[in-house]
Amino acid sequence: MQPIRQGDVILMPVQQFEGQKLPHLTLAEGEVTGHKHRIIDGQAELYEKDGTLYLCVLSSAAVLAHEEHKAISIPQGTWMVRIQREYEPQGWRYVAD
């Protein structure tokens, strides 16, 4: 499986993970707008370990939505959630959505 990107959120396929199950399906919240990257359809679970999120899509697919991006289908599997960063003269920073 290939990485999947929606805005500043990148999902990387992983084989294994550990973590604490979270009670929500919000992968990221925009720092500027407050909009959310979240699963709105399909069966999925979100886990966190040491500040890293892992998305487990249990159904054949789940829909990742955001108010400013086209909704995308995430296939069944386990995904590490990463937030894109960009370089500035002061150093690396997370991209603000």
Protein backbone atom coordinates (compact mmCIF):
# COMPACT_ATOMS: atom_id res chain seq x y z
CA MET A 1 0.00 0.00 0.00
CA GLN A 2 1.12 3.53 -0.78
CA PRO A 3 1.00 6.51 1.61
CA ILE A 4 -2.21 8.56 1.44
CA ARG A 5 -2.32 12.33 1.84
CA GLN A 6 -5.11 14.75 2.66
CA GLY A 7 -3.87 18.31 3.16
CA ASP A 8 -1.17 18.26 5.83
CA VAL A 9 -2.10 14.74 7.06
CA ILE A 10 -0.17 11.79 5.65
CA LEU A 11 -1.14 8.18 6.37
CA MET A 12 1.73 5.68 6.16
CA PRO A 13 0.93 1.96 6.05
CA VAL A 14 2.37 -0.05 8.96
CA GLN A 15 2.35 -3.73 9.83
CA GLN A 16 2.29 -3.49 13.63
CA PHE A 17 1.67 -0.93 16.34
CA GLU A 18 0.95 -0.59 20.04
CA GLY A 19 -1.08 2.05 21.78
CA GLN A 20 -4.03 3.19 23.81
CA LYS A 21 -7.40 3.22 22.04
CA LEU A 22 -8.90 6.72 21.78
CA PRO A 23 -12.62 7.49 22.11
CA HIS A 24 -12.73 9.56 18.88
CA LEU A 25 -11.76 9.37 15.20
CA THR A 26 -10.20 12.83 14.76
CA LEU A 27 -6.76 12.49 13.18
CA ALA A 28 -5.83 16.20 13.33
CA GLU A 29 -7.35 19.61 14.05
CA GLY A 30 -6.43 22.70 12.08
CA GLU A 31 -4.41 25.19 14.12
CA VAL A 32 -5.81 28.18 12.26
CA THR A 33 -9.36 27.22 11.25
CA GLY A 34 -10.28 24.56 13.81
CA HIS A 35 -11.37 22.26 10.99
CA LYS A 36 -10.78 18.55 11.57
CA HIS A 37 -9.42 15.62 9.60
CA ARG A 38 -11.71 12.85 10.82
CA ILE A 39 -13.23 9.54 9.85
CA ILE A 40 -16.91 10.05 9.03
CA ASP A 41 -17.89 6.70 7.51
CA GLY A 42 -16.74 3.10 7.81
CA GLN A 43 -15.55 1.13 10.79
CA ALA A 44 -12.25 2.31 12.28
CA GLU A 45 -10.38 2.75 15.55
CA LEU A 46 -7.74 5.31 16.53
CA TYR A 47 -4.83 4.57 18.86
CA GLU A 48 -2.04 6.72 20.35
CA LYS A 49 1.42 5.85 21.64
CA ASP A 50 4.12 8.35 22.58
CA GLY A 51 2.44 11.15 20.63
CA THR A 52 1.96 9.11 17.44
CA LEU A 53 -1.51 8.19 16.19
CA TYR A 54 -2.39 4.92 14.47
CA LEU A 55 -5.57 4.44 12.47
CA CYS A 56 -6.97 0.92 12.08
CA VAL A 57 -9.54 0.67 9.31
CA LEU A 58 -11.61 -2.44 10.08
CA SER A 59 -14.17 -2.22 7.28
CA SER A 60 -13.21 -2.57 3.61
CA ALA A 61 -12.73 1.22 3.56
CA ALA A 62 -13.33 4.32 5.70
CA VAL A 63 -13.92 7.91 4.60
CA LEU A 64 -11.54 10.64 5.78
CA ALA A 65 -13.15 14.08 5.61
CA HIS A 66 -12.09 17.70 6.14
CA GLU A 67 -14.03 20.88 5.53
CA GLU A 68 -11.48 22.25 3.02
CA HIS A 69 -10.45 19.05 1.22
CA LYS A 70 -12.16 16.41 -0.85
CA ALA A 71 -13.18 13.37 1.22
CA ILE A 72 -11.00 10.34 0.48
CA SER A 73 -11.39 6.61 0.93
CA ILE A 74 -8.86 4.87 3.18
CA PRO A 75 -8.55 1.12 2.49
CA GLN A 76 -8.65 -1.51 5.20
CA GLY A 77 -5.40 -1.76 7.12
CA THR A 78 -3.29 -0.05 9.75
CA TRP A 79 -1.92 3.44 9.15
CA MET A 80 0.48 5.70 11.05
CA VAL A 81 -0.79 9.29 11.07
CA ARG A 82 1.85 11.93 10.35
CA ILE A 83 1.52 15.71 10.04
CA GLN A 84 3.53 17.30 7.23
CA ARG A 85 6.28 19.70 8.25
CA GLU A 86 8.01 22.48 6.36
CA TYR A 87 11.34 24.19 6.81
CA GLU A 88 11.70 27.85 7.76
CA PRO A 89 14.94 29.70 8.59
CA GLN A 90 14.02 29.34 12.29
CA GLY A 91 13.73 25.55 11.89
CA TRP A 92 11.11 22.91 11.07
CA ARG A 93 7.44 23.56 11.83
CA TYR A 94 4.21 21.68 11.32
CA VAL A 95 2.14 22.88 8.38
CA ALA A 96 -0.89 24.86 9.62
CA ASP A 97 -4.16 23.76 8.05
